[in-house]
């Protein structure tokens, strides 16, 4: 009994307005033949034999299925591309934060060169100081130290 009521509920709005037909959410309005029919729930989209996609209306009268499909594809594509870009950026950022083996090796080599350079500099300074002492050119720490004795 209930199934019979559902199938006739949409048919009574045929040749009336789209708004009257779509007050019942289980109805589908076809603008090309002004027919109100049950939405084929077994299919995601209404078959072309029932109504063309550009003429089919469901839920609201101002959106046809063709525009809805195109819009959903574009929005889905944009969301998918944005998600891929976000994943790429996050992975790249994580990778750049973590120093890899090459960076660690280069830092170690740089530190070793700096230490060797400081050792060479200290060695050269001590050699120069010895030469200055030998020839009497070495400046003492306190020039007035001679006069204290």
Protein backbone atom coordinates (compact mmCIF):
# COMPACT_ATOMS: atom_id res chain seq x y z
CA UNK A 1 0.00 0.00 0.00
CA UNK A 2 2.77 2.44 0.96
CA UNK A 3 4.77 1.71 -2.24
CA UNK A 4 1.69 2.43 -4.36
CA UNK A 5 1.24 5.77 -2.59
CA UNK A 6 4.86 6.78 -3.30
CA UNK A 7 4.64 5.96 -6.99
CA UNK A 8 1.42 7.93 -7.49
CA UNK A 9 2.51 10.83 -5.26
CA UNK A 10 4.91 12.19 -7.89
CA UNK A 11 2.72 11.45 -10.90
CA UNK A 12 -0.07 13.71 -9.62
CA UNK A 13 2.23 16.76 -10.13
CA UNK A 14 2.76 16.10 -13.86
CA UNK A 15 1.92 19.15 -16.01
CA UNK A 16 2.07 21.40 -12.95
CA UNK A 17 5.06 23.48 -11.78
CA UNK A 18 8.54 22.33 -10.86
CA UNK A 19 8.25 23.80 -7.36
CA UNK A 20 5.09 21.79 -6.61
CA UNK A 21 6.75 18.59 -7.85
CA UNK A 22 9.95 19.05 -5.90
CA UNK A 23 8.22 19.67 -2.59
CA UNK A 24 8.40 15.90 -2.30
CA UNK A 25 12.12 14.99 -2.14
CA UNK A 26 11.57 11.62 -3.79
CA UNK A 27 10.32 13.26 -7.00
CA UNK A 28 12.23 14.20 -10.15
CA UNK A 29 11.05 16.97 -12.49
CA UNK A 30 11.73 16.83 -16.22
CA UNK A 31 11.44 20.31 -17.80
CA UNK A 32 11.37 19.06 -21.41
CA UNK A 33 8.04 17.24 -21.03
CA UNK A 34 6.85 18.83 -17.72
CA UNK A 35 6.62 15.43 -16.14
CA UNK A 36 6.99 14.70 -12.42
CA UNK A 37 8.20 11.16 -11.68
CA UNK A 38 9.78 9.11 -8.91
CA UNK A 39 13.53 9.53 -8.66
CA UNK A 40 15.17 6.25 -9.75
CA UNK A 41 16.98 5.49 -6.50
CA UNK A 42 18.70 2.40 -7.93
CA UNK A 43 20.72 4.66 -10.26
CA UNK A 44 22.88 7.54 -9.18
CA UNK A 45 21.79 9.59 -12.19
CA UNK A 46 18.42 9.37 -13.92
CA UNK A 47 18.57 7.28 -17.11
CA UNK A 48 18.32 9.21 -20.39
CA UNK A 49 15.23 7.25 -21.32
CA UNK A 50 13.43 8.91 -18.41
CA UNK A 51 14.78 12.43 -18.90
CA UNK A 52 17.87 14.14 -20.37
CA UNK A 53 20.38 15.35 -17.78
CA UNK A 54 20.06 18.95 -18.92
CA UNK A 55 16.30 18.81 -18.34
CA UNK A 56 16.27 16.87 -15.07
CA UNK A 57 15.74 18.76 -11.81
CA UNK A 58 15.91 17.34 -8.30
CA UNK A 59 15.90 19.16 -4.98
CA UNK A 60 15.73 22.66 -6.49
CA UNK A 61 14.36 23.82 -9.82
CA UNK A 62 17.22 26.11 -10.82
CA UNK A 63 19.96 23.43 -10.90
CA UNK A 64 20.03 20.82 -13.64
CA UNK A 65 21.97 17.58 -13.38
CA UNK A 66 24.42 18.50 -16.13
CA UNK A 67 25.50 21.70 -14.37
CA UNK A 68 25.59 19.86 -11.05
CA UNK A 69 27.88 17.13 -12.44
CA UNK A 70 30.22 19.66 -14.09
CA UNK A 71 30.35 21.78 -10.94
CA UNK A 72 31.01 18.79 -8.69
CA UNK A 73 33.80 17.56 -11.00
CA UNK A 74 35.48 20.98 -11.03
CA UNK A 75 35.18 21.37 -7.25
CA UNK A 76 36.42 17.82 -6.70
CA UNK A 77 39.37 18.40 -9.04
CA UNK A 78 40.31 21.64 -7.30
CA UNK A 79 40.11 19.98 -3.88
CA UNK A 80 42.21 17.05 -5.11
CA UNK A 81 44.88 19.33 -6.59
CA UNK A 82 44.93 21.47 -3.42
CA UNK A 83 45.30 18.33 -1.29
CA UNK A 84 48.20 17.10 -3.45
CA UNK A 85 49.91 20.51 -3.22
CA UNK A 86 49.49 20.56 0.56
CA UNK A 87 50.92 17.03 0.89
CA UNK A 88 53.87 17.96 -1.35
CA UNK A 89 54.61 21.12 0.64
CA UNK A 90 54.35 19.34 4.00
CA UNK A 91 56.63 16.51 2.89
CA UNK A 92 59.13 18.97 1.45
CA UNK A 93 59.10 21.05 4.64
CA UNK A 94 59.72 17.96 6.82
CA UNK A 95 62.56 16.87 4.58
CA UNK A 96 64.23 20.26 4.67
CA UNK A 97 64.03 20.47 8.48
CA UNK A 98 65.88 17.20 8.95
CA UNK A 99 69.57 17.52 8.01
CA UNK A 100 70.74 14.71 5.80
CA UNK A 101 74.10 12.91 5.89
CA UNK A 102 75.71 15.23 3.32
CA UNK A 103 74.87 18.30 5.39
CA UNK A 104 76.21 16.68 8.56
CA UNK A 105 79.44 15.64 6.82
CA UNK A 106 79.93 19.13 5.37
CA UNK A 107 79.42 20.71 8.80
CA UNK A 108 81.97 18.32 10.37
CA UNK A 109 84.52 19.09 7.65
CA UNK A 110 83.95 22.83 8.09
CA UNK A 111 84.53 22.52 11.85
CA UNK A 112 87.70 20.46 11.33
CA UNK A 113 89.08 23.07 8.89
CA UNK A 114 88.32 25.85 11.36
CA UNK A 115 90.11 24.01 14.18
CA UNK A 116 93.16 23.31 11.95
CA UNK A 117 93.24 26.96 10.86
CA UNK A 118 93.21 28.13 14.51
CA UNK A 119 96.03 25.71 15.35
CA UNK A 120 98.09 26.99 12.41
CA UNK A 121 97.41 30.57 13.39
CA UNK A 122 98.54 29.92 16.99
CA UNK A 123 101.65 28.09 15.74
CA UNK A 124 102.54 30.96 13.40
CA UNK A 125 102.04 33.50 16.20
CA UNK A 126 104.35 31.57 18.55
CA UNK A 127 106.99 31.27 15.78
CA UNK A 128 106.77 35.00 15.05
CA UNK A 129 107.03 35.78 18.77
CA UNK A 130 110.20 33.64 19.01
CA UNK A 131 111.75 35.49 16.06
CA UNK A 132 110.84 38.85 17.61
CA UNK A 133 112.46 37.78 20.91
CA UNK A 134 115.58 36.66 19.09
CA UNK A 135 116.04 40.05 17.41
CA UNK A 136 114.76 42.11 20.34
CA UNK A 137 111.61 43.27 18.63
CA UNK A 138 109.28 41.54 21.05
CA UNK A 139 107.02 43.95 22.88
CA UNK A 140 106.58 43.10 26.48
CA UNK A 141 103.21 42.99 28.11
CA UNK A 142 103.97 45.95 30.37
CA UNK A 143 106.54 48.47 29.05
CA UNK A 144 107.09 49.82 32.59
CA UNK A 145 108.05 46.43 34.01
CA UNK A 146 111.79 47.31 33.73
CA UNK A 147 111.47 50.20 36.14
CA UNK A 148 109.83 48.20 38.92
CA UNK A 149 113.05 46.43 39.94
